[in-house]
Protein backbone atom coordinates (compact mmCIF):
# COMPACT_ATOMS: atom_id res chain seq x y z
CA MET A 1 190.89 62.83 104.38
CA THR A 2 192.32 64.92 106.82
CA THR A 3 193.38 68.52 105.87
CA SER A 4 196.28 70.96 107.95
CA THR A 5 197.26 73.71 107.53
CA ALA A 6 200.68 74.43 109.12
CA LYS A 7 203.12 77.79 109.63
CA ARG A 8 206.10 79.17 111.40
CA TYR A 9 206.53 82.64 112.81
CA THR A 10 209.04 84.37 114.57
CA PHE A 11 209.27 87.62 117.18
CA ASP A 12 211.39 89.07 118.91
CA SER A 13 212.64 88.64 122.55
CA SER A 14 210.73 92.15 123.23
CA ILE A 15 207.20 92.98 125.21
CA ASP A 16 206.13 94.55 121.54
CA SER A 17 205.90 91.43 120.06
CA LEU A 18 203.11 90.66 122.09
CA ALA A 19 200.85 93.15 120.20
CA LYS A 20 201.89 91.53 116.86
CA VAL A 21 201.61 87.88 118.09
CA GLU A 22 197.73 89.38 118.80
CA GLN A 23 197.62 90.59 115.31
CA LEU A 24 198.86 86.96 113.88
CA ILE A 25 196.12 85.34 115.55
CA LEU A 26 193.25 88.10 114.47
CA SER A 27 194.50 86.73 111.01
CA LEU A 28 194.53 83.38 111.99
CA LYS A 29 190.84 83.88 113.05
CA GLU A 30 189.84 85.02 109.99
CA VAL A 31 191.50 82.84 107.29
CA HIS A 32 190.89 79.27 109.48
CA ASN A 33 187.43 80.27 110.73
CA ILE A 34 188.35 80.18 114.49
CA PRO A 35 185.19 80.87 116.05
CA GLU A 36 184.90 83.41 118.31
CA ASP A 37 183.55 81.25 121.59
CA ILE A 38 187.62 79.69 121.67
CA TYR A 39 189.26 82.55 119.91
CA GLY A 40 189.80 84.95 123.18
CA ASN A 41 190.96 81.96 124.97
CA ILE A 42 193.57 81.32 122.16
CA VAL A 43 194.81 85.06 122.58
CA VAL A 44 194.96 84.77 126.12
CA ALA A 45 197.11 81.37 126.26
CA THR A 46 199.06 82.27 123.10
CA SER A 47 200.29 85.32 124.85
CA GLU A 48 200.93 84.43 127.81
CA GLY A 49 203.11 81.64 126.49
CA MET A 50 204.73 84.72 124.75
CA ILE A 51 205.34 86.45 127.81
CA ASN A 52 206.93 83.47 129.58
CA ALA A 53 209.11 82.62 126.17
CA ILE A 54 210.13 86.64 126.24
CA LYS A 55 210.81 86.87 130.08
CA HIS A 56 211.74 83.63 131.82
CA GLY A 57 212.93 81.30 128.80
CA ASN A 58 215.01 84.48 126.53
CA ASN A 59 215.12 86.88 129.51
CA PHE A 60 214.54 89.79 127.28
CA ASP A 61 217.81 89.23 125.54
CA SER A 62 217.21 90.85 121.63
CA ASP A 63 219.48 88.47 120.15
CA LYS A 64 217.18 85.47 121.30
CA LYS A 65 213.89 84.99 119.39
CA VAL A 66 210.74 83.31 120.05
CA ASN A 67 209.13 81.05 117.53
CA VAL A 68 205.07 80.42 117.31
CA PHE A 69 204.56 77.14 114.95
CA PHE A 70 200.70 76.98 114.11
CA GLU A 71 198.51 74.54 112.88
CA SER A 72 195.04 74.10 111.64
CA ASN A 73 193.44 70.81 110.99
CA ASP A 74 190.36 69.15 111.05
CA ASN A 75 189.80 68.47 114.90
CA GLN A 76 192.03 71.19 116.22
CA TYR A 77 194.50 74.44 116.73
CA ILE A 78 197.33 73.50 117.91
CA PHE A 79 199.86 76.82 118.54
CA ILE A 80 203.44 75.83 119.80
CA ILE A 81 205.41 78.61 121.09
CA SER A 82 209.23 77.94 121.47
CA ASP A 83 212.11 79.92 123.11
CA ASN A 84 216.16 79.40 123.12
CA GLY A 85 216.23 79.04 127.08
CA PRO A 86 217.13 76.22 128.96
CA GLY A 87 213.89 75.66 130.37
CA PHE A 88 212.46 74.50 133.53
CA ASP A 89 210.50 71.82 135.55
CA TYR A 90 207.25 72.61 134.42
CA SER A 91 205.97 69.83 137.11
CA ASN A 92 207.17 71.47 139.81
CA VAL A 93 205.19 74.91 139.38
CA PRO A 94 203.28 76.27 142.71
CA ASP A 95 199.74 76.44 142.48
CA PRO A 96 198.65 79.89 142.15
CA THR A 97 194.87 79.32 143.77
CA HIS A 98 196.80 77.68 146.50
CA PRO A 99 196.50 80.64 149.80
CA ASP A 100 200.04 81.23 150.29
CA ASN A 101 200.23 82.55 146.46
CA ILE A 102 196.92 83.99 145.97
CA GLU A 103 197.78 87.35 146.91
CA LYS A 104 201.32 86.62 144.58
CA VAL A 105 201.36 89.25 141.47
CA TYR A 106 203.15 86.49 139.09
CA GLY A 107 203.17 82.46 138.97
CA ARG A 108 200.06 82.36 136.82
CA GLY A 109 200.90 81.87 133.07
CA ILE A 110 200.80 78.32 133.09
CA PHE A 111 197.59 78.38 135.15
CA ILE A 112 195.90 80.25 132.40
CA MET A 113 197.14 78.27 129.08
CA LYS A 114 196.00 75.01 131.38
CA MET A 115 192.42 76.38 132.11
CA LEU A 116 191.90 78.17 128.33
CA SER A 117 193.48 75.28 126.32
CA ASP A 118 192.14 71.77 125.51
CA GLU A 119 195.41 70.39 126.20
CA VAL A 120 198.76 71.86 127.15
CA GLU A 121 202.19 69.67 126.60
CA PHE A 122 205.63 71.06 127.29
CA GLU A 123 208.85 70.00 125.52
CA MET A 124 212.55 70.32 125.32
CA GLU A 125 212.69 70.73 129.02
CA GLY A 126 210.42 73.22 129.04
CA SER A 127 211.53 75.86 126.70
CA LYS A 128 208.51 74.37 123.60
CA VAL A 129 204.71 74.79 124.84
CA LEU A 130 201.76 73.04 122.61
CA LEU A 131 197.96 75.00 122.97
CA LYS A 132 195.70 72.71 121.87
CA PHE A 133 192.17 73.94 120.72
CA VAL A 134 189.76 71.96 120.15
CA LYS A 135 187.34 72.56 117.17
CA VAL A 136 183.64 72.57 118.14
């Protein structure tokens, strides 16, 4: 029998929402017994997704919201972050480890999400990102 818990949260398109989503993840850690060894990865990867949604997706527009959907099931924790933007070409993102990009101070968010998550998927032309973390 599979057990699953799901909940949707809505945040303003403001940098202040980063602290709120970090508090949310802390409370989810306690309720869903998220192990310490993946908790940090979840906080950083989800924060990167939030930053991208607020900055690039919604352009800091206070009339637009960022939705975070959380699901915990027998096998994994899933965070889905969606914004109201037009999306982007997620298949054509510059490699931040390439020598031409190594000193740039931007362009690392997707790379970080992919390094810290067990699986990353983009939907809705990139305005929705799914971050999956396998339970061990």
